[in-house]
Amino acid sequence: MYFTDRGIEELANRRGEESVSFEWLADALRTFVDLHPQFEDAVEQLATWLARPDDDPDL
């Protein structure tokens, strides 16, 4: 198990019943990067991967 799995599991447990829009997610990611600019590259990679799930399975 990766360390990040704990955070993902907590997210699913606490908010798994909620529905969110991609607009809400984009705003949340922008806010996170504003607060933690050192993670800008990782957030950019995640957002790009989420935007293009069918383009290339190796990305």
PDB file of N, CA and C in Angstrom:
ATOM      1  N   MET A   1       0.855  -1.181   0.000  1.00  0.00           N
ATOM      2  CA  MET A   1       0.000   0.000   0.000  1.00  0.00           C
ATOM      3  C   MET A   1       0.893   1.233   0.000  1.00  0.00           C
ATOM      4  N   TYR A   2       0.563   2.168  -0.874  1.00  0.00           N
ATOM      5  CA  TYR A   2       1.279   3.435  -0.905  1.00  0.00           C
ATOM      6  C   TYR A   2       0.808   4.319   0.237  1.00  0.00           C
ATOM      7  N   PHE A   3       1.680   5.231   0.667  1.00  0.00           N
ATOM      8  CA  PHE A   3       1.327   6.170   1.730  1.00  0.00           C
ATOM      9  C   PHE A   3       0.068   6.950   1.357  1.00  0.00           C
ATOM     10  N   THR A   4      -0.051   7.333   0.061  1.00  0.00           N
ATOM     11  CA  THR A   4      -1.204   8.131  -0.368  1.00  0.00           C
ATOM     12  C   THR A   4      -2.509   7.354  -0.269  1.00  0.00           C
ATOM     13  N   ASP A   5      -2.444   6.042  -0.224  1.00  0.00           N
ATOM     14  CA  ASP A   5      -3.670   5.252  -0.110  1.00  0.00           C
ATOM     15  C   ASP A   5      -4.446   5.596   1.160  1.00  0.00           C
ATOM     16  N   ARG A   6      -3.747   5.953   2.224  1.00  0.00           N
ATOM     17  CA  ARG A   6      -4.439   6.325   3.461  1.00  0.00           C
ATOM     18  C   ARG A   6      -5.294   7.565   3.252  1.00  0.00           C
ATOM     19  N   GLY A   7      -4.743   8.547   2.559  1.00  0.00           N
ATOM     20  CA  GLY A   7      -5.505   9.767   2.280  1.00  0.00           C
ATOM     21  C   GLY A   7      -6.672   9.502   1.358  1.00  0.00           C
ATOM     22  N   ILE A   8      -6.462   8.644   0.374  1.00  0.00           N
ATOM     23  CA  ILE A   8      -7.536   8.291  -0.561  1.00  0.00           C
ATOM     24  C   ILE A   8      -8.637   7.542   0.180  1.00  0.00           C
ATOM     25  N   GLU A   9      -8.251   6.625   1.044  1.00  0.00           N
ATOM     26  CA  GLU A   9      -9.251   5.894   1.834  1.00  0.00           C
ATOM     27  C   GLU A   9     -10.019   6.830   2.755  1.00  0.00           C
ATOM     28  N   GLU A  10      -9.327   7.785   3.377  1.00  0.00           N
ATOM     29  CA  GLU A  10     -10.014   8.742   4.240  1.00  0.00           C
ATOM     30  C   GLU A  10     -11.006   9.573   3.437  1.00  0.00           C
ATOM     31  N   LEU A  11     -10.600  10.006   2.251  1.00  0.00           N
ATOM     32  CA  LEU A  11     -11.499  10.766   1.375  1.00  0.00           C
ATOM     33  C   LEU A  11     -12.744   9.949   1.054  1.00  0.00           C
ATOM     34  N   ALA A  12     -12.553   8.709   0.660  1.00  0.00           N
ATOM     35  CA  ALA A  12     -13.692   7.855   0.317  1.00  0.00           C
ATOM     36  C   ALA A  12     -14.594   7.610   1.528  1.00  0.00           C
ATOM     37  N   ASN A  13     -13.991   7.397   2.687  1.00  0.00           N
ATOM     38  CA  ASN A  13     -14.784   7.140   3.892  1.00  0.00           C
ATOM     39  C   ASN A  13     -15.563   8.362   4.347  1.00  0.00           C
ATOM     40  N   ARG A  14     -14.934   9.531   4.300  1.00  0.00           N
ATOM     41  CA  ARG A  14     -15.585  10.737   4.800  1.00  0.00           C
ATOM     42  C   ARG A  14     -16.552  11.360   3.799  1.00  0.00           C
ATOM     43  N   ARG A  15     -16.233  11.274   2.515  1.00  0.00           N
ATOM     44  CA  ARG A  15     -17.031  12.008   1.526  1.00  0.00           C
ATOM     45  C   ARG A  15     -17.513  11.135   0.385  1.00  0.00           C
ATOM     46  N   GLY A  16     -17.411   9.827   0.541  1.00  0.00           N
ATOM     47  CA  GLY A  16     -17.744   8.890  -0.521  1.00  0.00           C
ATOM     48  C   GLY A  16     -19.185   8.923  -0.996  1.00  0.00           C
ATOM     49  N   GLU A  17     -20.091   9.396  -0.171  1.00  0.00           N
ATOM     50  CA  GLU A  17     -21.501   9.458  -0.550  1.00  0.00           C
ATOM     51  C   GLU A  17     -21.850  10.753  -1.287  1.00  0.00           C
ATOM     52  N   GLU A  18     -20.927  11.729  -1.289  1.00  0.00           N
ATOM     53  CA  GLU A  18     -21.193  13.021  -1.921  1.00  0.00           C
ATOM     54  C   GLU A  18     -20.967  12.945  -3.433  1.00  0.00           C
ATOM     55  N   SER A  19     -21.637  13.821  -4.142  1.00  0.00           N
ATOM     56  CA  SER A  19     -21.384  14.012  -5.565  1.00  0.00           C
ATOM     57  C   SER A  19     -20.781  15.391  -5.748  1.00  0.00           C
ATOM     58  N   VAL A  20     -19.778  15.472  -6.599  1.00  0.00           N
ATOM     59  CA  VAL A  20     -19.140  16.758  -6.860  1.00  0.00           C
ATOM     60  C   VAL A  20     -19.026  16.959  -8.365  1.00  0.00           C
ATOM     61  N   SER A  21     -18.959  18.211  -8.762  1.00  0.00           N
ATOM     62  CA  SER A  21     -18.782  18.520 -10.175  1.00  0.00           C
ATOM     63  C   SER A  21     -17.292  18.660 -10.476  1.00  0.00           C
ATOM     64  N   PHE A  22     -16.960  18.590 -11.745  1.00  0.00           N
ATOM     65  CA  PHE A  22     -15.574  18.818 -12.133  1.00  0.00           C
ATOM     66  C   PHE A  22     -15.187  20.271 -11.873  1.00  0.00           C
ATOM     67  N   GLU A  23     -16.145  21.172 -11.939  1.00  0.00           N
ATOM     68  CA  GLU A  23     -15.871  22.570 -11.610  1.00  0.00           C
ATOM     69  C   GLU A  23     -15.458  22.694 -10.151  1.00  0.00           C
ATOM     70  N   TRP A  24     -16.165  22.001  -9.251  1.00  0.00           N
ATOM     71  CA  TRP A  24     -15.806  22.018  -7.831  1.00  0.00           C
ATOM     72  C   TRP A  24     -14.407  21.442  -7.637  1.00  0.00           C
ATOM     73  N   LEU A  25     -14.125  20.319  -8.308  1.00  0.00           N
ATOM     74  CA  LEU A  25     -12.813  19.685  -8.192  1.00  0.00           C
ATOM     75  C   LEU A  25     -11.714  20.615  -8.682  1.00  0.00           C
ATOM     76  N   ALA A  26     -11.939  21.268  -9.815  1.00  0.00           N
ATOM     77  CA  ALA A  26     -10.947  22.205 -10.349  1.00  0.00           C
ATOM     78  C   ALA A  26     -10.696  23.338  -9.359  1.00  0.00           C
ATOM     79  N   ASP A  27     -11.738  23.871  -8.764  1.00  0.00           N
ATOM     80  CA  ASP A  27     -11.575  24.938  -7.768  1.00  0.00           C
ATOM     81  C   ASP A  27     -10.809  24.437  -6.544  1.00  0.00           C
ATOM     82  N   ALA A  28     -11.110  23.223  -6.108  1.00  0.00           N
ATOM     83  CA  ALA A  28     -10.415  22.651  -4.950  1.00  0.00           C
ATOM     84  C   ALA A  28      -8.929  22.448  -5.257  1.00  0.00           C
ATOM     85  N   LEU A  29      -8.616  21.996  -6.471  1.00  0.00           N
ATOM     86  CA  LEU A  29      -7.217  21.808  -6.853  1.00  0.00           C
ATOM     87  C   LEU A  29      -6.481  23.146  -6.929  1.00  0.00           C
ATOM     88  N   ARG A  30      -7.156  24.178  -7.472  1.00  0.00           N
ATOM     89  CA  ARG A  30      -6.541  25.512  -7.524  1.00  0.00           C
ATOM     90  C   ARG A  30      -6.261  26.032  -6.111  1.00  0.00           C
ATOM     91  N   THR A  31      -7.212  25.864  -5.225  1.00  0.00           N
ATOM     92  CA  THR A  31      -7.026  26.312  -3.846  1.00  0.00           C
ATOM     93  C   THR A  31      -5.873  25.569  -3.189  1.00  0.00           C
ATOM     94  N   PHE A  32      -5.800  24.269  -3.422  1.00  0.00           N
ATOM     95  CA  PHE A  32      -4.711  23.472  -2.851  1.00  0.00           C
ATOM     96  C   PHE A  32      -3.360  23.977  -3.344  1.00  0.00           C
ATOM     97  N   VAL A  33      -3.245  24.234  -4.640  1.00  0.00           N
ATOM     98  CA  VAL A  33      -1.974  24.723  -5.192  1.00  0.00           C
ATOM     99  C   VAL A  33      -1.653  26.117  -4.661  1.00  0.00           C
ATOM    100  N   ASP A  34      -2.666  26.959  -4.480  1.00  0.00           N
ATOM    101  CA  ASP A  34      -2.430  28.277  -3.881  1.00  0.00           C
ATOM    102  C   ASP A  34      -1.835  28.141  -2.478  1.00  0.00           C
ATOM    103  N   LEU A  35      -2.327  27.175  -1.717  1.00  0.00           N
ATOM    104  CA  LEU A  35      -1.851  26.966  -0.352  1.00  0.00           C
ATOM    105  C   LEU A  35      -0.534  26.177  -0.289  1.00  0.00           C
ATOM    106  N   HIS A  36      -0.306  25.326  -1.307  1.00  0.00           N
ATOM    107  CA  HIS A  36       0.862  24.436  -1.326  1.00  0.00           C
ATOM    108  C   HIS A  36       1.509  24.457  -2.713  1.00  0.00           C
ATOM    109  N   PRO A  37       2.145  25.568  -3.095  1.00  0.00           N
ATOM    110  CA  PRO A  37       2.691  25.692  -4.451  1.00  0.00           C
ATOM    111  C   PRO A  37       3.764  24.659  -4.792  1.00  0.00           C
ATOM    112  N   GLN A  38       4.366  24.045  -3.786  1.00  0.00           N
ATOM    113  CA  GLN A  38       5.380  23.031  -4.051  1.00  0.00           C
ATOM    114  C   GLN A  38       4.787  21.785  -4.718  1.00  0.00           C
ATOM    115  N   PHE A  39       3.469  21.640  -4.670  1.00  0.00           N
ATOM    116  CA  PHE A  39       2.811  20.488  -5.291  1.00  0.00           C
ATOM    117  C   PHE A  39       2.175  20.817  -6.635  1.00  0.00           C
ATOM    118  N   GLU A  40       2.514  21.961  -7.194  1.00  0.00           N
ATOM    119  CA  GLU A  40       1.911  22.393  -8.462  1.00  0.00           C
ATOM    120  C   GLU A  40       2.121  21.366  -9.573  1.00  0.00           C
ATOM    121  N   ASP A  41       3.334  20.843  -9.705  1.00  0.00           N
ATOM    122  CA  ASP A  41       3.602  19.868 -10.772  1.00  0.00           C
ATOM    123  C   ASP A  41       2.768  18.601 -10.608  1.00  0.00           C
ATOM    124  N   ALA A  42       2.670  18.096  -9.387  1.00  0.00           N
ATOM    125  CA  ALA A  42       1.889  16.874  -9.154  1.00  0.00           C
ATOM    126  C   ALA A  42       0.417  17.104  -9.441  1.00  0.00           C
ATOM    127  N   VAL A  43      -0.114  18.249  -9.022  1.00  0.00           N
ATOM    128  CA  VAL A  43      -1.521  18.561  -9.268  1.00  0.00           C
ATOM    129  C   VAL A  43      -1.767  18.717 -10.762  1.00  0.00           C
ATOM    130  N   GLU A  44      -0.839  19.352 -11.466  1.00  0.00           N
ATOM    131  CA  GLU A  44      -0.962  19.505 -12.921  1.00  0.00           C
ATOM    132  C   GLU A  44      -0.993  18.136 -13.599  1.00  0.00           C
ATOM    133  N   GLN A  45      -0.117  17.239 -13.185  1.00  0.00           N
ATOM    134  CA  GLN A  45      -0.097  15.893 -13.766  1.00  0.00           C
ATOM    135  C   GLN A  45      -1.388  15.139 -13.473  1.00  0.00           C
ATOM    136  N   LEU A  46      -1.880  15.246 -12.255  1.00  0.00           N
ATOM    137  CA  LEU A  46      -3.139  14.586 -11.900  1.00  0.00           C
ATOM    138  C   LEU A  46      -4.295  15.156 -12.711  1.00  0.00           C
ATOM    139  N   ALA A  47      -4.383  16.470 -12.803  1.00  0.00           N
ATOM    140  CA  ALA A  47      -5.477  17.096 -13.550  1.00  0.00           C
ATOM    141  C   ALA A  47      -5.431  16.695 -15.019  1.00  0.00           C
ATOM    142  N   THR A  48      -4.240  16.667 -15.602  1.00  0.00           N
ATOM    143  CA  THR A  48      -4.107  16.258 -17.003  1.00  0.00           C
ATOM    144  C   THR A  48      -4.507  14.800 -17.178  1.00  0.00           C
ATOM    145  N   TRP A  49      -4.097  13.954 -16.261  1.00  0.00           N
ATOM    146  CA  TRP A  49      -4.451  12.541 -16.331  1.00  0.00           C
ATOM    147  C   TRP A  49      -5.964  12.350 -16.209  1.00  0.00           C
ATOM    148  N   LEU A  50      -6.596  13.081 -15.292  1.00  0.00           N
ATOM    149  CA  LEU A  50      -8.049  12.987 -15.138  1.00  0.00           C
ATOM    150  C   LEU A  50      -8.789  13.517 -16.366  1.00  0.00           C
ATOM    151  N   ALA A  51      -8.219  14.513 -17.029  1.00  0.00           N
ATOM    152  CA  ALA A  51      -8.863  15.104 -18.200  1.00  0.00           C
ATOM    153  C   ALA A  51      -8.789  14.201 -19.421  1.00  0.00           C
ATOM    154  N   ARG A  52      -7.793  13.327 -19.480  1.00  0.00           N
ATOM    155  CA  ARG A  52      -7.575  12.507 -20.673  1.00  0.00           C
ATOM    156  C   ARG A  52      -7.425  11.030 -20.330  1.00  0.00           C
ATOM    157  N   PRO A  53      -8.407  10.418 -19.711  1.00  0.00           N
ATOM    158  CA  PRO A  53      -8.231   9.023 -19.268  1.00  0.00           C
ATOM    159  C   PRO A  53      -8.103   7.997 -20.393  1.00  0.00           C
ATOM    160  N   ASP A  54      -8.571   8.328 -21.576  1.00  0.00           N
ATOM    161  CA  ASP A  54      -8.548   7.339 -22.664  1.00  0.00           C
ATOM    162  C   ASP A  54      -7.428   7.548 -23.665  1.00  0.00           C
ATOM    163  N   ASP A  55      -6.644   8.616 -23.509  1.00  0.00           N
ATOM    164  CA  ASP A  55      -5.616   8.936 -24.503  1.00  0.00           C
ATOM    165  C   ASP A  55      -4.489   7.922 -24.555  1.00  0.00           C
ATOM    166  N   ASP A  56      -3.819   7.705 -23.433  1.00  0.00           N
ATOM    167  CA  ASP A  56      -2.664   6.817 -23.411  1.00  0.00           C
ATOM    168  C   ASP A  56      -2.607   6.128 -22.059  1.00  0.00           C
ATOM    169  N   PRO A  57      -2.775   4.836 -22.020  1.00  0.00           N
ATOM    170  CA  PRO A  57      -2.784   4.141 -20.735  1.00  0.00           C
ATOM    171  C   PRO A  57      -1.448   4.193 -19.991  1.00  0.00           C
ATOM    172  N   ASP A  58      -0.375   4.549 -20.674  1.00  0.00           N
ATOM    173  CA  ASP A  58       0.937   4.598 -20.022  1.00  0.00           C
ATOM    174  C   ASP A  58       1.247   5.950 -19.402  1.00  0.00           C
ATOM    175  N   LEU A  59       0.366   6.947 -19.542  1.00  0.00           N
ATOM    176  CA  LEU A  59       0.631   8.269 -18.971  1.00  0.00           C
ATOM    177  C   LEU A  59       0.364   8.315 -17.503  1.00  0.00           C
TER     178      LEU A  59
END
